[in-house]
Protein backbone atom coordinates (compact mmCIF):
# COMPACT_ATOMS: atom_id res chain seq x y z
CA UNK A 1 0.00 0.00 0.00
CA UNK A 2 4.01 2.72 -1.89
CA UNK A 3 3.06 7.08 -3.52
CA UNK A 4 3.09 5.00 -5.40
CA UNK A 5 3.19 1.54 -4.01
CA UNK A 6 6.43 0.94 -5.87
CA UNK A 7 7.10 -2.28 -3.95
CA UNK A 8 8.56 -4.83 -6.34
CA UNK A 9 9.29 -2.35 -9.14
CA UNK A 10 11.49 -0.24 -6.86
CA UNK A 11 13.81 -3.06 -5.93
CA UNK A 12 15.99 -2.78 -9.02
CA UNK A 13 17.04 0.65 -7.79
CA UNK A 14 19.27 -0.79 -5.09
CA UNK A 15 22.81 -1.04 -6.37
CA UNK A 16 25.50 -3.31 -5.05
CA UNK A 17 27.96 -1.78 -2.60
CA UNK A 18 31.02 -3.18 -0.85
CA UNK A 19 30.52 -5.27 2.26
CA UNK A 20 29.77 -2.97 5.19
CA UNK A 21 31.75 -2.66 8.39
CA UNK A 22 29.79 -3.46 11.53
CA UNK A 23 29.88 0.08 12.90
CA UNK A 24 29.16 3.44 11.32
CA UNK A 25 31.94 5.98 11.34
CA UNK A 26 31.33 9.62 12.19
CA UNK A 27 31.60 10.40 8.49
CA UNK A 28 29.01 7.76 7.59
CA UNK A 29 26.63 9.07 10.23
CA UNK A 30 27.01 12.56 8.85
CA UNK A 31 26.32 11.22 5.37
CA UNK A 32 23.11 9.52 6.56
CA UNK A 33 22.07 12.76 8.26
CA UNK A 34 22.59 14.66 5.01
CA UNK A 35 20.72 12.08 2.90
CA UNK A 36 17.73 12.32 5.23
CA UNK A 37 17.85 16.11 5.44
CA UNK A 38 17.95 16.44 1.65
CA UNK A 39 15.10 13.97 1.10
CA UNK A 40 12.86 15.63 3.68
CA UNK A 41 13.57 19.10 2.34
CA UNK A 42 12.95 18.17 -1.30
CA UNK A 43 9.76 16.22 -0.65
CA UNK A 44 8.24 18.26 2.17
CA UNK A 45 7.98 15.11 4.28
CA UNK A 46 7.86 16.22 7.94
CA UNK A 47 9.88 13.39 9.51
CA UNK A 48 11.70 10.12 9.05
CA UNK A 49 12.94 7.37 11.33
CA UNK A 50 15.88 5.28 10.13
CA UNK A 51 17.51 2.10 11.41
CA UNK A 52 20.54 0.37 9.91
CA UNK A 53 21.65 -3.21 10.58
CA UNK A 54 25.24 -4.23 9.95
CA UNK A 55 26.89 -7.48 10.91
CA UNK A 56 23.56 -8.67 12.25
CA UNK A 57 23.28 -5.81 14.75
CA UNK A 58 21.45 -2.48 14.90
CA UNK A 59 24.25 0.03 14.51
CA UNK A 60 22.18 3.13 13.80
CA UNK A 61 18.72 4.29 14.83
CA UNK A 62 17.71 7.92 14.60
CA UNK A 63 14.59 9.99 13.97
CA UNK A 64 14.46 13.35 12.22
CA UNK A 65 12.04 16.24 11.82
CA UNK A 66 8.51 16.83 13.10
CA UNK A 67 6.64 13.66 13.97
CA UNK A 68 3.42 15.50 14.86
CA UNK A 69 2.15 18.92 15.85
CA UNK A 70 2.59 17.84 19.47
CA UNK A 71 6.02 16.18 18.94
CA UNK A 72 8.40 18.88 17.67
CA UNK A 73 11.43 16.85 18.80
CA UNK A 74 11.72 13.51 17.02
CA UNK A 75 12.04 10.33 19.09
CA UNK A 76 13.68 7.22 17.65
CA UNK A 77 11.33 4.99 19.67
CA UNK A 78 8.17 6.55 18.18
CA UNK A 79 6.04 3.92 16.40
CA UNK A 80 5.20 4.73 12.78
CA UNK A 81 2.50 2.95 10.83
CA UNK A 82 4.36 0.37 8.71
CA UNK A 83 1.30 -0.66 6.66
CA UNK A 84 2.00 -3.45 4.14
CA UNK A 85 5.32 -4.35 5.73
CA UNK A 86 2.92 -6.01 8.20
CA UNK A 87 2.10 -8.64 5.57
CA UNK A 88 5.25 -10.60 6.32
CA UNK A 89 4.10 -10.88 9.95
CA UNK A 90 0.69 -12.19 8.90
CA UNK A 91 2.48 -14.70 6.66
CA UNK A 92 4.80 -15.63 9.55
CA UNK A 93 1.74 -16.31 11.74
CA UNK A 94 0.45 -18.73 9.10
CA UNK A 95 3.86 -20.42 8.91
CA UNK A 96 3.94 -20.83 12.71
CA UNK A 97 0.48 -22.41 12.70
CA UNK A 98 1.55 -24.72 9.88
CA UNK A 99 4.63 -25.70 11.90
CA UNK A 100 2.27 -26.39 14.84
CA UNK A 101 0.35 -28.78 12.60
CA UNK A 102 -2.85 -26.72 12.78
CA UNK A 103 -3.13 -25.91 9.08
CA UNK A 104 -1.39 -26.42 5.76
CA UNK A 105 -0.40 -23.79 3.22
CA UNK A 106 -2.14 -25.92 0.61
CA UNK A 107 -5.43 -26.07 2.50
CA UNK A 108 -8.31 -24.64 0.53
CA UNK A 109 -9.75 -21.42 1.93
CA UNK A 110 -13.19 -23.07 2.01
CA UNK A 111 -12.05 -25.08 5.04
CA UNK A 112 -11.89 -21.88 7.11
CA UNK A 113 -13.69 -19.04 5.27
CA UNK A 114 -16.11 -20.73 2.88
CA UNK A 115 -18.30 -17.77 1.97
CA UNK A 116 -16.05 -16.14 -0.65
CA UNK A 117 -15.73 -16.55 -4.38
CA UNK A 118 -13.42 -19.41 -5.33
CA UNK A 119 -12.93 -20.59 -1.75
CA UNK A 120 -12.88 -24.22 -2.89
CA UNK A 121 -10.09 -23.43 -5.39
CA UNK A 122 -7.93 -20.82 -3.57
CA UNK A 123 -5.20 -22.07 -1.22
CA UNK A 124 -3.74 -20.25 1.78
CA UNK A 125 -0.42 -20.13 -0.09
CA UNK A 126 -2.13 -18.22 -2.90
CA UNK A 127 -3.57 -15.69 -0.44
CA UNK A 128 -0.08 -14.97 0.89
CA UNK A 129 1.57 -14.78 -2.54
CA UNK A 130 -1.05 -12.52 -4.19
CA UNK A 131 -2.01 -15.20 -6.69
CA UNK A 132 -5.54 -15.93 -5.43
CA UNK A 133 -7.43 -13.84 -7.99
CA UNK A 134 -9.28 -11.94 -5.24
CA UNK A 135 -9.72 -8.29 -6.22
CA UNK A 136 -7.68 -5.79 -4.21
CA UNK A 137 -9.91 -3.57 -2.07
CA UNK A 138 -7.44 -0.66 -1.80
CA UNK A 139 -5.48 -0.01 -5.01
CA UNK A 140 -5.78 3.78 -4.62
CA UNK A 141 -3.10 5.93 -2.99
CA UNK A 142 -5.69 7.98 -1.16
CA UNK A 143 -8.56 7.32 1.24
CA UNK A 144 -11.59 6.53 -0.88
CA UNK A 145 -15.08 7.39 0.34
CA UNK A 146 -15.88 4.19 2.24
CA UNK A 147 -12.71 4.51 4.33
CA UNK A 148 -14.32 7.28 6.36
CA UNK A 149 -16.56 4.62 7.95
CA UNK A 150 -15.32 1.81 10.24
CA UNK A 151 -15.21 -1.64 8.72
CA UNK A 152 -14.74 -5.22 9.91
CA UNK A 153 -12.76 -7.94 8.13
CA UNK A 154 -16.08 -9.54 7.27
CA UNK A 155 -17.26 -6.23 5.81
CA UNK A 156 -14.25 -6.14 3.48
CA UNK A 157 -14.83 -9.76 2.52
CA UNK A 158 -18.51 -9.14 1.84
CA UNK A 159 -17.81 -6.24 -0.51
CA UNK A 160 -14.70 -7.43 -2.35
CA UNK A 161 -14.10 -11.16 -1.81
CA UNK A 162 -17.52 -12.14 -3.15
CA UNK A 163 -16.92 -10.54 -6.54
CA UNK A 164 -15.96 -12.59 -9.55
CA UNK A 165 -12.27 -13.50 -9.38
CA UNK A 166 -9.95 -11.38 -11.51
CA UNK A 167 -8.28 -14.59 -12.74
CA UNK A 168 -8.14 -18.31 -11.98
CA UNK A 169 -6.15 -18.93 -8.76
CA UNK A 170 -2.47 -19.50 -9.40
CA UNK A 171 -2.47 -18.23 -12.98
CA UNK A 172 -1.54 -14.57 -12.41
CA UNK A 173 -0.01 -12.27 -9.79
CA UNK A 174 -1.94 -9.23 -8.57
CA UNK A 175 -1.29 -7.45 -5.29
CA UNK A 176 -4.35 -8.07 -3.14
CA UNK A 177 -4.91 -6.64 0.30
CA UNK A 178 -8.17 -8.57 0.24
CA UNK A 179 -6.28 -11.86 0.22
CA UNK A 180 -4.44 -10.86 3.39
CA UNK A 181 -7.68 -9.95 5.14
CA UNK A 182 -8.87 -13.50 4.45
CA UNK A 183 -5.51 -14.88 5.67
CA UNK A 184 -5.86 -12.90 8.91
CA UNK A 185 -9.34 -14.31 9.45
CA UNK A 186 -7.93 -17.81 9.01
CA UNK A 187 -5.18 -17.17 11.58
CA UNK A 188 -7.74 -15.97 14.12
CA UNK A 189 -10.06 -18.91 13.49
CA UNK A 190 -7.29 -21.49 13.83
CA UNK A 191 -5.40 -19.83 16.69
CA UNK A 192 -8.54 -18.85 18.60
CA UNK A 193 -7.16 -15.40 19.46
CA UNK A 194 -6.96 -12.02 17.67
CA UNK A 195 -4.16 -11.81 15.11
CA UNK A 196 -2.27 -9.11 17.01
CA UNK A 197 -2.42 -11.13 20.24
CA UNK A 198 -0.98 -14.14 18.41
CA UNK A 199 1.83 -12.02 16.94
CA UNK A 200 2.65 -10.52 20.34
CA UNK A 201 2.89 -13.91 21.99
CA UNK A 202 4.81 -15.75 19.29
CA UNK A 203 6.95 -13.03 17.69
CA UNK A 204 6.99 -9.62 19.37
CA UNK A 205 7.50 -10.62 23.00
CA UNK A 206 10.33 -13.08 22.23
CA UNK A 207 12.09 -10.41 20.14
CA UNK A 208 11.40 -7.55 22.60
CA UNK A 209 9.45 -5.67 19.93
CA UNK A 210 6.80 -3.14 20.95
CA UNK A 211 4.03 -3.17 18.33
CA UNK A 212 0.67 -1.42 18.22
CA UNK A 213 -2.56 -1.80 16.31
CA UNK A 214 -2.16 1.12 13.90
CA UNK A 215 -5.81 2.08 14.40
CA UNK A 216 -4.95 2.82 18.02
CA UNK A 217 -1.53 4.41 17.32
CA UNK A 218 -3.13 7.81 16.91
CA UNK A 219 -2.95 10.92 19.08
CA UNK A 220 -0.58 11.93 21.85
CA UNK A 221 2.80 10.21 21.64
CA UNK A 222 2.29 8.86 18.13
CA UNK A 223 3.51 10.32 14.81
CA UNK A 224 0.85 12.13 12.78
CA UNK A 225 0.34 11.31 9.11
CA UNK A 226 0.67 14.09 6.55
CA UNK A 227 0.14 14.59 2.84
CA UNK A 228 0.10 17.09 0.00
CA UNK A 229 -2.14 17.70 -2.98
CA UNK A 230 0.26 18.12 -5.91
CA UNK A 231 2.87 20.57 -4.58
CA UNK A 232 0.50 22.36 -2.26
CA UNK A 233 1.05 22.83 1.45
CA UNK A 234 1.83 19.85 3.68
CA UNK A 235 -1.30 19.10 5.69
CA UNK A 236 -2.15 16.68 8.48
CA UNK A 237 -4.41 13.97 7.07
CA UNK A 238 -7.40 12.25 8.62
CA UNK A 239 -6.65 8.59 9.39
CA UNK A 240 -8.82 5.90 7.87
CA UNK A 241 -11.64 4.73 10.09
CA UNK A 242 -11.03 1.67 12.23
CA UNK A 243 -10.45 -1.69 10.56
CA UNK A 244 -9.29 -0.83 7.06
CA UNK A 245 -5.77 -2.26 7.24
CA UNK A 246 -6.20 -5.27 9.56
CA UNK A 247 -4.01 -8.23 8.49
CA UNK A 248 -2.99 -6.41 5.30
CA UNK A 249 -1.18 -3.67 7.22
CA UNK A 250 -2.30 -3.21 10.81
CA UNK A 251 1.01 -2.66 12.64
CA UNK A 252 2.82 0.35 14.05
CA UNK A 253 6.34 0.11 15.48
CA UNK A 254 9.62 1.99 15.60
CA UNK A 255 12.36 1.58 13.01
CA UNK A 256 14.61 0.01 15.64
CA UNK A 257 11.96 -2.58 16.53
CA UNK A 258 11.36 -3.47 12.89
CA UNK A 259 15.13 -3.90 12.56
CA UNK A 260 14.96 -6.51 15.34
CA UNK A 261 12.68 -8.55 13.11
CA UNK A 262 15.16 -8.17 10.26
CA UNK A 263 17.89 -9.53 12.52
CA UNK A 264 15.66 -12.48 13.41
CA UNK A 265 15.40 -13.12 9.66
CA UNK A 266 19.18 -12.99 9.30
CA UNK A 267 19.67 -15.30 12.31
CA UNK A 268 16.79 -17.64 11.36
CA UNK A 269 15.14 -17.19 14.77
CA UNK A 270 11.42 -17.43 15.72
CA UNK A 271 10.54 -19.29 12.51
CA UNK A 272 12.22 -22.56 11.62
CA UNK A 273 15.05 -22.05 9.08
CA UNK A 274 13.08 -23.94 6.43
CA UNK A 275 10.06 -21.69 7.04
CA UNK A 276 12.15 -18.55 6.58
CA UNK A 277 13.35 -20.06 3.34
CA UNK A 278 9.78 -20.88 2.35
CA UNK A 279 8.71 -17.27 2.94
CA UNK A 280 11.60 -16.02 0.80
CA UNK A 281 11.10 -18.47 -2.07
CA UNK A 282 9.32 -16.91 -5.08
CA UNK A 283 5.98 -18.57 -5.76
CA UNK A 284 5.57 -19.85 -9.30
CA UNK A 285 2.46 -19.40 -11.39
CA UNK A 286 0.79 -22.21 -13.28
CA UNK A 287 2.95 -21.48 -16.33
CA UNK A 288 6.14 -21.72 -14.25
CA UNK A 289 6.85 -18.00 -14.17
CA UNK A 290 7.40 -15.82 -11.10
CA UNK A 291 7.92 -12.14 -10.35
CA UNK A 292 10.01 -12.87 -7.25
CA UNK A 293 7.27 -12.48 -4.62
CA UNK A 294 7.23 -15.09 -1.89
CA UNK A 295 4.92 -15.16 1.13
CA UNK A 296 4.60 -11.55 2.29
CA UNK A 297 7.99 -10.43 0.95
CA UNK A 298 9.52 -9.62 -2.42
CA UNK A 299 12.86 -11.21 -3.22
CA UNK A 300 15.45 -10.95 -5.91
CA UNK A 301 18.90 -9.71 -6.82
CA UNK A 302 20.02 -6.30 -8.06
CA UNK A 303 23.52 -5.86 -9.43
CA UNK A 304 24.59 -9.14 -7.88
CA UNK A 305 23.21 -8.39 -4.43
CA UNK A 306 20.40 -10.50 -2.99
CA UNK A 307 17.55 -8.78 -1.13
CA UNK A 308 14.32 -9.48 0.76
CA UNK A 309 12.03 -6.44 0.71
CA UNK A 310 8.66 -4.89 1.28
CA UNK A 311 7.33 -1.35 1.38
CA UNK A 312 4.22 0.01 3.01
CA UNK A 313 1.64 2.77 2.68
CA UNK A 314 -0.91 3.80 5.28
CA UNK A 315 -2.92 7.01 5.36
CA UNK A 316 -0.18 9.63 5.78
CA UNK A 317 2.73 7.17 6.03
CA UNK A 318 5.23 5.51 3.66
CA UNK A 319 7.85 2.99 4.68
CA UNK A 320 10.56 0.75 3.27
CA UNK A 321 12.23 -2.33 4.77
CA UNK A 322 14.97 -4.13 2.87
CA UNK A 323 17.24 -6.94 4.07
CA UNK A 324 20.49 -8.00 2.39
CA UNK A 325 20.99 -11.57 3.72
CA UNK A 326 24.46 -12.16 2.30
CA UNK A 327 25.74 -8.94 3.89
CA UNK A 328 23.85 -9.50 7.17
CA UNK A 329 22.57 -5.98 6.67
CA UNK A 330 19.21 -4.22 6.58
CA UNK A 331 17.76 -0.74 6.10
CA UNK A 332 14.51 0.48 7.66
CA UNK A 333 13.01 3.84 6.67
CA UNK A 334 9.71 5.07 8.11
CA UNK A 335 8.20 8.43 7.11
CA UNK A 336 5.03 10.30 8.06
CA UNK A 337 3.90 11.54 4.67
CA UNK A 338 2.34 9.61 1.85
CA UNK A 339 3.09 12.33 -0.72
CA UNK A 340 6.55 12.06 -2.23
CA UNK A 341 9.34 9.54 -2.31
CA UNK A 342 11.50 10.51 0.66
CA UNK A 343 11.19 7.00 2.07
CA UNK A 344 12.72 5.48 -1.07
CA UNK A 345 15.30 8.22 -1.61
CA UNK A 346 16.54 7.68 1.93
CA UNK A 347 16.54 3.88 1.61
CA UNK A 348 18.50 4.07 -1.60
CA UNK A 349 21.07 6.37 -0.02
CA UNK A 350 24.20 6.27 -2.09
CA UNK A 351 22.83 3.53 -4.32
CA UNK A 352 22.40 4.23 -7.98
CA UNK A 353 19.00 3.90 -9.56
CA UNK A 354 18.58 2.06 -12.88
CA UNK A 355 15.08 1.74 -14.27
CA UNK A 356 15.06 1.73 -18.10
CA UNK A 357 11.92 3.16 -19.63
CA UNK A 358 9.84 0.43 -21.28
CA UNK A 359 8.76 0.78 -24.91
CA UNK A 360 5.30 2.28 -25.21
CA UNK A 361 2.51 0.29 -26.84
CA UNK A 362 -0.77 1.55 -28.32
CA UNK A 363 -2.64 1.38 -25.01
CA UNK A 364 0.13 3.27 -23.23
CA UNK A 365 0.20 5.92 -25.95
CA UNK A 366 -3.56 6.46 -25.70
CA UNK A 367 -3.39 6.56 -21.91
CA UNK A 368 -0.60 9.14 -22.06
CA UNK A 369 -2.83 11.44 -24.10
CA UNK A 370 -5.68 11.17 -21.59
CA UNK A 371 -3.41 11.65 -18.58
CA UNK A 372 -1.69 14.64 -20.14
CA UNK A 373 -5.12 16.14 -20.86
CA UNK A 374 -6.11 15.87 -17.18
CA UNK A 375 -2.73 17.25 -16.11
CA UNK A 376 -3.15 20.30 -18.32
CA UNK A 377 -6.69 20.82 -17.03
CA UNK A 378 -5.51 20.69 -13.42
CA UNK A 379 -2.71 23.19 -13.92
CA UNK A 380 -5.15 25.44 -15.76
CA UNK A 381 -7.76 25.27 -13.01
CA UNK A 382 -10.38 23.28 -14.90
CA UNK A 383 -11.35 19.64 -14.71
CA UNK A 384 -13.64 17.58 -16.92
CA UNK A 385 -15.14 15.34 -14.25
CA UNK A 386 -16.54 12.98 -16.86
CA UNK A 387 -12.96 11.72 -17.23
CA UNK A 388 -12.94 10.58 -13.58
CA UNK A 389 -14.65 7.84 -11.58
CA UNK A 390 -16.83 8.57 -8.55
CA UNK A 391 -13.93 7.97 -6.14
CA UNK A 392 -11.55 10.21 -8.11
CA UNK A 393 -14.18 12.96 -8.17
CA UNK A 394 -14.52 12.50 -4.39
CA UNK A 395 -10.76 13.03 -4.04
CA UNK A 396 -10.69 16.26 -6.08
CA UNK A 397 -12.35 18.60 -3.61
CA UNK A 398 -12.29 22.36 -4.20
CA UNK A 399 -9.30 22.66 -1.82
CA UNK A 400 -7.43 19.89 -3.65
CA UNK A 401 -8.12 21.48 -7.03
CA UNK A 402 -6.85 24.82 -5.76
CA UNK A 403 -3.65 23.17 -4.48
CA UNK A 404 -3.05 21.55 -7.85
CA UNK A 405 -3.69 24.75 -9.80
CA UNK A 406 -1.73 27.03 -7.49
CA UNK A 407 1.33 24.76 -7.41
CA UNK A 408 1.37 23.68 -11.06
CA UNK A 409 0.36 26.81 -12.91
CA UNK A 410 3.52 28.81 -12.08
CA UNK A 411 5.67 26.04 -13.57
CA UNK A 412 4.34 26.58 -17.07
CA UNK A 413 4.76 24.00 -19.82
CA UNK A 414 6.79 20.89 -18.85
CA UNK A 415 9.85 19.97 -20.89
CA UNK A 416 8.95 16.26 -20.80
CA UNK A 417 5.88 14.20 -19.88
CA UNK A 418 6.62 10.48 -20.18
CA UNK A 419 5.56 7.11 -18.78
CA UNK A 420 7.91 5.43 -16.31
CA UNK A 421 7.72 1.67 -15.87
CA UNK A 422 5.18 -0.74 -17.25
CA UNK A 423 1.41 -0.75 -16.93
CA UNK A 424 0.06 -3.32 -14.47
CA UNK A 425 -3.30 -4.58 -13.23
CA UNK A 426 -4.30 -3.66 -9.69
CA UNK A 427 -7.69 -3.88 -8.01
CA UNK A 428 -9.58 -3.99 -11.28
CA UNK A 429 -7.73 -0.94 -12.65
CA UNK A 430 -4.68 -0.36 -14.85
CA UNK A 431 -1.84 1.40 -13.03
CA UNK A 432 0.55 3.63 -14.98
CA UNK A 433 3.13 6.05 -13.60
CA UNK A 434 4.64 9.12 -15.30
CA UNK A 435 7.53 11.56 -14.96
CA UNK A 436 7.02 15.27 -15.62
CA UNK A 437 10.24 17.23 -16.09
CA UNK A 438 10.79 20.97 -15.66
CA UNK A 439 14.52 21.56 -15.96
CA UNK A 440 15.99 20.21 -12.73
CA UNK A 441 12.56 19.69 -11.14
CA UNK A 442 10.87 16.31 -11.68
CA UNK A 443 7.32 15.38 -10.70
CA UNK A 444 5.90 11.87 -10.37
CA UNK A 445 2.33 11.12 -11.41
CA UNK A 446 0.55 7.94 -10.36
CA UNK A 447 -2.65 6.92 -12.15
CA UNK A 448 -5.17 4.12 -11.98
CA UNK A 449 -7.73 3.84 -14.78
CA UNK A 450 -10.59 1.61 -15.75
CA UNK A 451 -9.53 -0.94 -18.38
CA UNK A 452 -10.35 -0.13 -21.98
CA UNK A 453 -9.62 2.57 -24.50
CA UNK A 454 -11.77 5.20 -22.78
CA UNK A 455 -11.40 4.05 -19.17
CA UNK A 456 -12.02 6.77 -16.60
CA UNK A 457 -9.31 7.69 -14.13
CA UNK A 458 -9.74 6.26 -10.63
CA UNK A 459 -6.59 8.00 -9.41
CA UNK A 460 -4.43 10.95 -10.44
CA UNK A 461 -1.83 11.82 -7.79
CA UNK A 462 1.19 14.04 -8.27
CA UNK A 463 4.24 14.71 -6.10
CA UNK A 464 7.81 15.95 -6.50
CA UNK A 465 10.43 13.21 -6.77
CA UNK A 466 14.15 12.98 -6.11
CA UNK A 467 14.63 10.29 -8.77
């Protein structure tokens, strides 16, 4: 749930570096401080919390900036909402129950949650690997209308998991928060306790990790989420109503505590070594292909360096957690804005990015024309709402429209407007991302659109980028 849920696509940006010493020198600490300061300043992100693991130990943990209106001095023990990074904990809970002999990854969902589409065909493994075919309930990078009202896991299941499957289980990969909601319900049914209670008993307490239900990690003592409309002012955002992240992203914790989990991964503690390996093994589709996603984590190799990774997006928060097993190293970056890419710029650090632009096809070319049309309307202060879905129209309030116009209009005509990365299916929509260049200023645009030649836009979000 990274702007722009970059997750797997972002991984290729991490470049290989020499093996790291176990401690950080004064010069390295100063370099980290500068990387964070630059990323926060360029993006407008109020704060960041960073932890670095070297040699299997936490060697750096520091928070920067304004964590909330009531927390002007940053604390490195403050728990940020880690959102979809939570998925690996939900998957770990399933693996622990499987090790206990209480379920099997190849059990059909119908055994535990029968009242969903395809329950007699979908396995628990497919829920955890995003290959179930269940439609994602939150593909947008903003709070859609229903998120203002509390919801239960059953409520999410009733609205999204009873739709027709997007594809036959095991034949495609599509990120699905809905699948993780079903997985969380299975954990609770089998374990007989709430998911968070199970995680506290089996994972957090043994590792001395303090974790919170993110729905309750709000108010005094907790970081506040922020956001921007285009390049408008940074504003505190209203959290989603209770229940919307659940097993798909319910946790809040500090960067240091998340790093303790990374060390457990490196040391093969808590889970059996073969279960860690199982989580990190890419799941293959029916045709034998794989995109590198395992059970709650993305895996792969960039420039000869192996990684295990996941990012996260909650309302007002973006986060990145990446582990380099062969180096016994890890980087945790938690930020309290969901507008911009400070979390990724910080995580990349001195790494070099390398994402070649894919060749455009006819559908991409047509989409580029429609997206550019909306962009030009927004910077000119007009908007043809027939081009947008109901949820996108809900997002573009008068205040939001003013922020877009006021921040874009002074920039004039962009030098370049081009697609970055490939189109992909998500939650019943087609996701495409774009780069808008004005000299040395670059903006990132994230869109979701209905399939088809004249599909309406479900999402049009814009933010400055450091990449």
